[in-house]
Amino acid sequence: MRIDFDSPQAQSLRNSLAAAREVLEKARHGYQSACATFDDTNGSDDGRFALRRQGLSYAHAVTQFSDAVMAWLTFVDKQLQHVPHQDNK
């Protein structure tokens, strides 16, 4: 028996993982941009606000990505419970 990586559930989890990765990458870029803005404005209130806002967005994206990874790993682990162990002889 094998893990069915083409099942609808597996495809859905992979899609969620890809979407979360894209959101994470956008949030990372937004945070880097906010850091640059903060530096360019010598720590102005606008720069400080942008940095905090982007930091929260980045943190949320990290959590979403982590959740998507954990869902995928849980799926694989459950599938492995149904795969018979084979001795390497």
Protein backbone atom coordinates (compact mmCIF):
# COMPACT_ATOMS: atom_id res chain seq x y z
CA MET A 1 0.00 0.00 0.00
CA ARG A 2 1.20 3.50 -0.80
CA ILE A 3 0.35 7.01 0.28
CA ASP A 4 -2.14 8.51 -2.14
CA PHE A 5 -0.55 11.87 -2.86
CA ASP A 6 -3.08 12.42 -5.66
CA SER A 7 -6.16 12.12 -3.47
CA PRO A 8 -8.50 15.13 -3.26
CA GLN A 9 -7.45 15.67 0.36
CA ALA A 10 -3.75 15.64 -0.53
CA GLN A 11 -4.32 18.02 -3.44
CA SER A 12 -6.30 20.38 -1.20
CA LEU A 13 -3.57 20.36 1.44
CA ARG A 14 -0.87 21.00 -1.17
CA ASN A 15 -2.93 23.89 -2.57
CA SER A 16 -3.32 25.34 0.92
CA LEU A 17 0.40 24.99 1.51
CA ALA A 18 1.25 26.73 -1.77
CA ALA A 19 -1.20 29.57 -1.03
CA ALA A 20 0.17 30.00 2.50
CA ARG A 21 3.73 30.04 1.13
CA GLU A 22 2.77 32.80 -1.31
CA VAL A 23 1.15 34.87 1.46
CA LEU A 24 4.23 34.34 3.62
CA GLU A 25 6.55 35.53 0.87
CA LYS A 26 4.45 38.65 0.25
CA ALA A 27 4.35 39.39 3.97
CA ARG A 28 8.12 38.97 4.22
CA HIS A 29 8.64 41.43 1.39
CA GLY A 30 6.18 43.84 3.00
CA TYR A 31 8.03 43.63 6.29
CA GLN A 32 11.39 44.21 4.62
CA SER A 33 9.93 47.23 2.84
CA ALA A 34 8.56 48.57 6.13
CA CYS A 35 12.01 48.15 7.72
CA ALA A 36 13.52 50.17 4.90
CA THR A 37 10.81 52.83 5.26
CA PHE A 38 11.44 53.02 8.98
CA ASP A 39 15.15 53.57 8.34
CA ASP A 40 14.53 56.06 5.54
CA THR A 41 12.20 58.14 7.70
CA ASN A 42 14.55 58.07 10.71
CA GLY A 43 11.96 56.28 12.83
CA SER A 44 9.06 58.63 12.10
CA ASP A 45 5.62 57.85 13.45
CA ASP A 46 4.51 56.77 9.96
CA GLY A 47 7.52 54.47 9.65
CA ARG A 48 6.92 53.06 13.11
CA PHE A 49 3.24 52.45 12.32
CA ALA A 50 4.09 50.75 9.00
CA LEU A 51 6.68 48.54 10.69
CA ARG A 52 4.26 47.42 13.38
CA ARG A 53 1.45 46.80 10.88
CA GLN A 54 3.69 44.80 8.57
CA GLY A 55 5.15 42.92 11.53
CA LEU A 56 1.67 41.79 12.53
CA SER A 57 0.91 40.76 8.94
CA TYR A 58 4.17 38.83 8.78
CA ALA A 59 3.45 37.07 12.08
CA HIS A 60 -0.02 36.10 10.86
CA ALA A 61 1.42 34.74 7.61
CA VAL A 62 4.00 32.70 9.52
CA THR A 63 1.21 31.19 11.61
CA GLN A 64 -0.86 30.39 8.51
CA PHE A 65 2.12 28.76 6.83
CA SER A 66 2.97 26.79 9.97
CA ASP A 67 -0.63 25.58 10.20
CA ALA A 68 -0.58 24.49 6.55
CA VAL A 69 2.70 22.61 7.04
CA MET A 70 1.36 20.89 10.15
CA ALA A 71 -1.84 19.88 8.31
CA TRP A 72 0.26 18.34 5.53
CA LEU A 73 2.55 16.52 7.98
CA THR A 74 -0.44 15.22 9.92
CA PHE A 75 -1.99 13.93 6.69
CA VAL A 76 1.22 12.12 5.75
CA ASP A 77 1.61 10.70 9.25
CA LYS A 78 -1.95 9.33 9.21
CA GLN A 79 -1.32 7.80 5.80
CA LEU A 80 1.86 6.16 7.07
CA GLN A 81 -0.13 4.39 9.77
CA HIS A 82 -1.82 2.40 6.98
CA VAL A 83 1.36 1.53 5.09
CA PRO A 84 2.76 -1.84 6.13
CA HIS A 85 6.34 -1.83 7.35
CA GLN A 86 8.75 -3.52 4.98
CA ASP A 87 11.98 -5.12 6.13
CA ASN A 88 15.05 -4.07 4.18
CA LYS A 89 16.76 -7.37 3.40
